[in-house]
Amino acid sequence: MDQKERIIEIEIKLTEALRLSEELSDIVAQQANRLDVAERRIQLLMERAAQDEANSASGISINDTPPPHW
């Protein structure tokens, strides 16, 4: 294998590595977005649970009342 062929092979490998790096970067960005959404949802659920707990401690229980047709 002469030097020109080696350079071409290295360039091909470099191009493939750059493409893979870009794909992985896109995947990391998507996962970061999904994680942000999940964290916001968890925070909302925690706030809702805290509010429900505060309401039940004060004697107000919204979730335990039967529907009006009962």
PDB file of N, CA and C in Angstrom:
ATOM      1  N   MET A   1       0.857  -1.164   0.000  1.00  0.00           N
ATOM      2  CA  MET A   1       0.000   0.000   0.000  1.00  0.00           C
ATOM      3  C   MET A   1       0.907   1.232   0.000  1.00  0.00           C
ATOM      4  N   ASP A   2       0.692   2.074  -0.983  1.00  0.00           N
ATOM      5  CA  ASP A   2       1.542   3.261  -1.042  1.00  0.00           C
ATOM      6  C   ASP A   2       0.941   4.398  -0.200  1.00  0.00           C
ATOM      7  N   GLN A   3       1.686   5.471  -0.135  1.00  0.00           N
ATOM      8  CA  GLN A   3       1.307   6.579   0.744  1.00  0.00           C
ATOM      9  C   GLN A   3      -0.020   7.211   0.320  1.00  0.00           C
ATOM     10  N   LYS A   4      -0.274   7.331  -0.976  1.00  0.00           N
ATOM     11  CA  LYS A   4      -1.515   7.942  -1.461  1.00  0.00           C
ATOM     12  C   LYS A   4      -2.720   7.111  -1.030  1.00  0.00           C
ATOM     13  N   GLU A   5      -2.626   5.793  -1.131  1.00  0.00           N
ATOM     14  CA  GLU A   5      -3.725   4.915  -0.717  1.00  0.00           C
ATOM     15  C   GLU A   5      -3.963   5.007   0.786  1.00  0.00           C
ATOM     16  N   ARG A   6      -2.907   5.098   1.550  1.00  0.00           N
ATOM     17  CA  ARG A   6      -3.033   5.233   3.003  1.00  0.00           C
ATOM     18  C   ARG A   6      -3.724   6.542   3.367  1.00  0.00           C
ATOM     19  N   ILE A   7      -3.369   7.618   2.664  1.00  0.00           N
ATOM     20  CA  ILE A   7      -4.000   8.916   2.933  1.00  0.00           C
ATOM     21  C   ILE A   7      -5.484   8.853   2.598  1.00  0.00           C
ATOM     22  N   ILE A   8      -5.823   8.228   1.480  1.00  0.00           N
ATOM     23  CA  ILE A   8      -7.231   8.096   1.091  1.00  0.00           C
ATOM     24  C   ILE A   8      -7.988   7.275   2.131  1.00  0.00           C
ATOM     25  N   GLU A   9      -7.396   6.192   2.593  1.00  0.00           N
ATOM     26  CA  GLU A   9      -8.034   5.353   3.609  1.00  0.00           C
ATOM     27  C   GLU A   9      -8.243   6.137   4.908  1.00  0.00           C
ATOM     28  N   ILE A  10      -7.255   6.919   5.293  1.00  0.00           N
ATOM     29  CA  ILE A  10      -7.373   7.727   6.509  1.00  0.00           C
ATOM     30  C   ILE A  10      -8.451   8.786   6.342  1.00  0.00           C
ATOM     31  N   GLU A  11      -8.528   9.404   5.170  1.00  0.00           N
ATOM     32  CA  GLU A  11      -9.565  10.407   4.917  1.00  0.00           C
ATOM     33  C   GLU A  11     -10.957   9.783   4.985  1.00  0.00           C
ATOM     34  N   ILE A  12     -11.101   8.578   4.457  1.00  0.00           N
ATOM     35  CA  ILE A  12     -12.398   7.888   4.504  1.00  0.00           C
ATOM     36  C   ILE A  12     -12.780   7.607   5.959  1.00  0.00           C
ATOM     37  N   LYS A  13     -11.834   7.104   6.734  1.00  0.00           N
ATOM     38  CA  LYS A  13     -12.107   6.820   8.137  1.00  0.00           C
ATOM     39  C   LYS A  13     -12.432   8.090   8.910  1.00  0.00           C
ATOM     40  N   LEU A  14     -11.728   9.182   8.603  1.00  0.00           N
ATOM     41  CA  LEU A  14     -11.999  10.447   9.265  1.00  0.00           C
ATOM     42  C   LEU A  14     -13.403  10.939   8.924  1.00  0.00           C
ATOM     43  N   THR A  15     -13.794  10.828   7.671  1.00  0.00           N
ATOM     44  CA  THR A  15     -15.131  11.242   7.253  1.00  0.00           C
ATOM     45  C   THR A  15     -16.195  10.428   7.977  1.00  0.00           C
ATOM     46  N   GLU A  16     -15.987   9.128   8.086  1.00  0.00           N
ATOM     47  CA  GLU A  16     -16.936   8.273   8.792  1.00  0.00           C
ATOM     48  C   GLU A  16     -16.996   8.639  10.271  1.00  0.00           C
ATOM     49  N   ALA A  17     -15.855   8.932  10.872  1.00  0.00           N
ATOM     50  CA  ALA A  17     -15.812   9.306  12.286  1.00  0.00           C
ATOM     51  C   ALA A  17     -16.539  10.631  12.519  1.00  0.00           C
ATOM     52  N   LEU A  18     -16.362  11.588  11.613  1.00  0.00           N
ATOM     53  CA  LEU A  18     -17.051  12.874  11.734  1.00  0.00           C
ATOM     54  C   LEU A  18     -18.563  12.702  11.599  1.00  0.00           C
ATOM     55  N   ARG A  19     -18.987  11.861  10.657  1.00  0.00           N
ATOM     56  CA  ARG A  19     -20.419  11.603  10.477  1.00  0.00           C
ATOM     57  C   ARG A  19     -21.003  10.961  11.728  1.00  0.00           C
ATOM     58  N   LEU A  20     -20.310   9.980  12.268  1.00  0.00           N
ATOM     59  CA  LEU A  20     -20.762   9.310  13.481  1.00  0.00           C
ATOM     60  C   LEU A  20     -20.814  10.292  14.655  1.00  0.00           C
ATOM     61  N   SER A  21     -19.833  11.151  14.753  1.00  0.00           N
ATOM     62  CA  SER A  21     -19.803  12.158  15.815  1.00  0.00           C
ATOM     63  C   SER A  21     -21.010  13.086  15.719  1.00  0.00           C
ATOM     64  N   GLU A  22     -21.364  13.514  14.516  1.00  0.00           N
ATOM     65  CA  GLU A  22     -22.531  14.379  14.323  1.00  0.00           C
ATOM     66  C   GLU A  22     -23.821  13.651  14.684  1.00  0.00           C
ATOM     67  N   GLU A  23     -23.931  12.385  14.301  1.00  0.00           N
ATOM     68  CA  GLU A  23     -25.118  11.598  14.641  1.00  0.00           C
ATOM     69  C   GLU A  23     -25.250  11.454  16.154  1.00  0.00           C
ATOM     70  N   LEU A  24     -24.137  11.156  16.810  1.00  0.00           N
ATOM     71  CA  LEU A  24     -24.174  11.014  18.264  1.00  0.00           C
ATOM     72  C   LEU A  24     -24.499  12.333  18.951  1.00  0.00           C
ATOM     73  N   SER A  25     -24.009  13.418  18.409  1.00  0.00           N
ATOM     74  CA  SER A  25     -24.318  14.730  18.963  1.00  0.00           C
ATOM     75  C   SER A  25     -25.818  15.009  18.863  1.00  0.00           C
ATOM     76  N   ASP A  26     -26.425  14.665  17.733  1.00  0.00           N
ATOM     77  CA  ASP A  26     -27.870  14.837  17.560  1.00  0.00           C
ATOM     78  C   ASP A  26     -28.643  13.986  18.566  1.00  0.00           C
ATOM     79  N   ILE A  27     -28.195  12.758  18.776  1.00  0.00           N
ATOM     80  CA  ILE A  27     -28.858  11.870  19.723  1.00  0.00           C
ATOM     81  C   ILE A  27     -28.755  12.428  21.137  1.00  0.00           C
ATOM     82  N   VAL A  28     -27.591  12.934  21.502  1.00  0.00           N
ATOM     83  CA  VAL A  28     -27.401  13.512  22.836  1.00  0.00           C
ATOM     84  C   VAL A  28     -28.323  14.721  23.011  1.00  0.00           C
ATOM     85  N   ALA A  29     -28.441  15.552  21.992  1.00  0.00           N
ATOM     86  CA  ALA A  29     -29.316  16.730  22.076  1.00  0.00           C
ATOM     87  C   ALA A  29     -30.774  16.301  22.239  1.00  0.00           C
ATOM     88  N   GLN A  30     -31.207  15.283  21.509  1.00  0.00           N
ATOM     89  CA  GLN A  30     -32.584  14.783  21.642  1.00  0.00           C
ATOM     90  C   GLN A  30     -32.827  14.235  23.041  1.00  0.00           C
ATOM     91  N   GLN A  31     -31.884  13.485  23.556  1.00  0.00           N
ATOM     92  CA  GLN A  31     -32.029  12.917  24.899  1.00  0.00           C
ATOM     93  C   GLN A  31     -32.053  14.023  25.956  1.00  0.00           C
ATOM     94  N   ALA A  32     -31.272  15.065  25.757  1.00  0.00           N
ATOM     95  CA  ALA A  32     -31.280  16.191  26.696  1.00  0.00           C
ATOM     96  C   ALA A  32     -32.642  16.854  26.710  1.00  0.00           C
ATOM     97  N   ASN A  33     -33.235  17.021  25.537  1.00  0.00           N
ATOM     98  CA  ASN A  33     -34.577  17.612  25.460  1.00  0.00           C
ATOM     99  C   ASN A  33     -35.601  16.731  26.159  1.00  0.00           C
ATOM    100  N   ARG A  34     -35.524  15.425  25.923  1.00  0.00           N
ATOM    101  CA  ARG A  34     -36.458  14.507  26.565  1.00  0.00           C
ATOM    102  C   ARG A  34     -36.281  14.513  28.083  1.00  0.00           C
ATOM    103  N   LEU A  35     -35.051  14.613  28.529  1.00  0.00           N
ATOM    104  CA  LEU A  35     -34.780  14.672  29.961  1.00  0.00           C
ATOM    105  C   LEU A  35     -35.350  15.952  30.573  1.00  0.00           C
ATOM    106  N   ASP A  36     -35.210  17.072  29.877  1.00  0.00           N
ATOM    107  CA  ASP A  36     -35.773  18.334  30.359  1.00  0.00           C
ATOM    108  C   ASP A  36     -37.289  18.222  30.520  1.00  0.00           C
ATOM    109  N   VAL A  37     -37.943  17.639  29.531  1.00  0.00           N
ATOM    110  CA  VAL A  37     -39.403  17.466  29.595  1.00  0.00           C
ATOM    111  C   VAL A  37     -39.766  16.566  30.776  1.00  0.00           C
ATOM    112  N   ALA A  38     -39.063  15.470  30.940  1.00  0.00           N
ATOM    113  CA  ALA A  38     -39.341  14.550  32.040  1.00  0.00           C
ATOM    114  C   ALA A  38     -39.140  15.235  33.386  1.00  0.00           C
ATOM    115  N   GLU A  39     -38.093  16.021  33.519  1.00  0.00           N
ATOM    116  CA  GLU A  39     -37.843  16.730  34.774  1.00  0.00           C
ATOM    117  C   GLU A  39     -38.958  17.731  35.075  1.00  0.00           C
ATOM    118  N   ARG A  40     -39.436  18.443  34.057  1.00  0.00           N
ATOM    119  CA  ARG A  40     -40.544  19.384  34.268  1.00  0.00           C
ATOM    120  C   ARG A  40     -41.802  18.639  34.703  1.00  0.00           C
ATOM    121  N   ARG A  41     -42.080  17.494  34.074  1.00  0.00           N
ATOM    122  CA  ARG A  41     -43.262  16.713  34.444  1.00  0.00           C
ATOM    123  C   ARG A  41     -43.149  16.198  35.881  1.00  0.00           C
ATOM    124  N   ILE A  42     -41.983  15.731  36.245  1.00  0.00           N
ATOM    125  CA  ILE A  42     -41.773  15.248  37.616  1.00  0.00           C
ATOM    126  C   ILE A  42     -41.981  16.384  38.605  1.00  0.00           C
ATOM    127  N   GLN A  43     -41.453  17.548  38.283  1.00  0.00           N
ATOM    128  CA  GLN A  43     -41.626  18.702  39.176  1.00  0.00           C
ATOM    129  C   GLN A  43     -43.098  19.047  39.335  1.00  0.00           C
ATOM    130  N   LEU A  44     -43.860  19.044  38.242  1.00  0.00           N
ATOM    131  CA  LEU A  44     -45.292  19.323  38.323  1.00  0.00           C
ATOM    132  C   LEU A  44     -46.015  18.271  39.163  1.00  0.00           C
ATOM    133  N   LEU A  45     -45.649  17.007  38.980  1.00  0.00           N
ATOM    134  CA  LEU A  45     -46.267  15.943  39.764  1.00  0.00           C
ATOM    135  C   LEU A  45     -45.939  16.086  41.253  1.00  0.00           C
ATOM    136  N   MET A  46     -44.708  16.458  41.551  1.00  0.00           N
ATOM    137  CA  MET A  46     -44.326  16.650  42.947  1.00  0.00           C
ATOM    138  C   MET A  46     -45.095  17.822  43.560  1.00  0.00           C
ATOM    139  N   GLU A  47     -45.259  18.899  42.799  1.00  0.00           N
ATOM    140  CA  GLU A  47     -46.022  20.044  43.297  1.00  0.00           C
ATOM    141  C   GLU A  47     -47.481  19.664  43.513  1.00  0.00           C
ATOM    142  N   ARG A  48     -48.034  18.887  42.576  1.00  0.00           N
ATOM    143  CA  ARG A  48     -49.421  18.448  42.704  1.00  0.00           C
ATOM    144  C   ARG A  48     -49.584  17.540  43.929  1.00  0.00           C
ATOM    145  N   ALA A  49     -48.647  16.624  44.138  1.00  0.00           N
ATOM    146  CA  ALA A  49     -48.705  15.731  45.291  1.00  0.00           C
ATOM    147  C   ALA A  49     -48.591  16.524  46.591  1.00  0.00           C
ATOM    148  N   ALA A  50     -47.718  17.518  46.614  1.00  0.00           N
ATOM    149  CA  ALA A  50     -47.577  18.354  47.804  1.00  0.00           C
ATOM    150  C   ALA A  50     -48.861  19.133  48.066  1.00  0.00           C
ATOM    151  N   GLN A  51     -49.485  19.619  47.029  1.00  0.00           N
ATOM    152  CA  GLN A  51     -50.743  20.358  47.181  1.00  0.00           C
ATOM    153  C   GLN A  51     -51.850  19.435  47.674  1.00  0.00           C
ATOM    154  N   ASP A  52     -51.923  18.227  47.128  1.00  0.00           N
ATOM    155  CA  ASP A  52     -52.918  17.253  47.586  1.00  0.00           C
ATOM    156  C   ASP A  52     -52.703  16.916  49.056  1.00  0.00           C
ATOM    157  N   GLU A  53     -51.439  16.760  49.441  1.00  0.00           N
ATOM    158  CA  GLU A  53     -51.125  16.451  50.834  1.00  0.00           C
ATOM    159  C   GLU A  53     -51.517  17.608  51.738  1.00  0.00           C
ATOM    160  N   ALA A  54     -51.255  18.825  51.303  1.00  0.00           N
ATOM    161  CA  ALA A  54     -51.625  19.994  52.095  1.00  0.00           C
ATOM    162  C   ALA A  54     -53.141  20.090  52.210  1.00  0.00           C
ATOM    163  N   ASN A  55     -53.849  19.801  51.131  1.00  0.00           N
ATOM    164  CA  ASN A  55     -55.307  19.852  51.160  1.00  0.00           C
ATOM    165  C   ASN A  55     -55.877  18.785  52.086  1.00  0.00           C
ATOM    166  N   SER A  56     -55.309  17.595  52.067  1.00  0.00           N
ATOM    167  CA  SER A  56     -55.822  16.531  52.926  1.00  0.00           C
ATOM    168  C   SER A  56     -55.501  16.811  54.390  1.00  0.00           C
ATOM    169  N   ALA A  57     -54.406  17.486  54.663  1.00  0.00           N
ATOM    170  CA  ALA A  57     -54.060  17.839  56.039  1.00  0.00           C
ATOM    171  C   ALA A  57     -55.007  18.899  56.585  1.00  0.00           C
ATOM    172  N   SER A  58     -55.540  19.742  55.708  1.00  0.00           N
ATOM    173  CA  SER A  58     -56.448  20.794  56.149  1.00  0.00           C
ATOM    174  C   SER A  58     -57.897  20.316  56.171  1.00  0.00           C
ATOM    175  N   GLY A  59     -58.115  19.075  55.820  1.00  0.00           N
ATOM    176  CA  GLY A  59     -59.469  18.533  55.853  1.00  0.00           C
ATOM    177  C   GLY A  59     -60.193  18.622  54.527  1.00  0.00           C
ATOM    178  N   ILE A  60     -59.602  19.256  53.556  1.00  0.00           N
ATOM    179  CA  ILE A  60     -60.201  19.347  52.229  1.00  0.00           C
ATOM    180  C   ILE A  60     -59.734  18.159  51.419  1.00  0.00           C
ATOM    181  N   SER A  61     -60.660  17.362  50.985  1.00  0.00           N
ATOM    182  CA  SER A  61     -60.296  16.182  50.216  1.00  0.00           C
ATOM    183  C   SER A  61     -61.097  16.169  48.930  1.00  0.00           C
ATOM    184  N   ILE A  62     -60.496  16.636  47.883  1.00  0.00           N
ATOM    185  CA  ILE A  62     -61.171  16.742  46.592  1.00  0.00           C
ATOM    186  C   ILE A  62     -61.320  15.375  45.946  1.00  0.00           C
ATOM    187  N   ASN A  63     -60.319  14.546  46.040  1.00  0.00           N
ATOM    188  CA  ASN A  63     -60.314  13.268  45.326  1.00  0.00           C
ATOM    189  C   ASN A  63     -61.177  12.205  45.983  1.00  0.00           C
ATOM    190  N   ASP A  64     -61.581  12.377  47.245  1.00  0.00           N
ATOM    191  CA  ASP A  64     -62.342  11.351  47.937  1.00  0.00           C
ATOM    192  C   ASP A  64     -63.848  11.536  47.842  1.00  0.00           C
ATOM    193  N   THR A  65     -64.314  12.602  47.227  1.00  0.00           N
ATOM    194  CA  THR A  65     -65.749  12.810  47.142  1.00  0.00           C
ATOM    195  C   THR A  65     -66.324  11.962  46.012  1.00  0.00           C
ATOM    196  N   PRO A  66     -67.446  11.277  46.278  1.00  0.00           N
ATOM    197  CA  PRO A  66     -68.055  10.455  45.234  1.00  0.00           C
ATOM    198  C   PRO A  66     -68.700  11.332  44.172  1.00  0.00           C
ATOM    199  N   PRO A  67     -68.887  10.819  42.991  1.00  0.00           N
ATOM    200  CA  PRO A  67     -69.551  11.594  41.939  1.00  0.00           C
ATOM    201  C   PRO A  67     -70.984  11.927  42.357  1.00  0.00           C
ATOM    202  N   PRO A  68     -71.582  12.970  41.786  1.00  0.00           N
ATOM    203  CA  PRO A  68     -72.916  13.414  42.210  1.00  0.00           C
ATOM    204  C   PRO A  68     -74.021  12.371  41.970  1.00  0.00           C
ATOM    205  N   HIS A  69     -73.844  11.445  41.054  1.00  0.00           N
ATOM    206  CA  HIS A  69     -74.889  10.471  40.772  1.00  0.00           C
ATOM    207  C   HIS A  69     -74.925   9.322  41.762  1.00  0.00           C
ATOM    208  N   TRP A  70     -74.047   9.299  42.760  1.00  0.00           N
ATOM    209  CA  TRP A  70     -74.030   8.221  43.758  1.00  0.00           C
ATOM    210  C   TRP A  70     -74.917   8.542  44.873  1.00  0.00           C
TER     211      TRP A  70
END
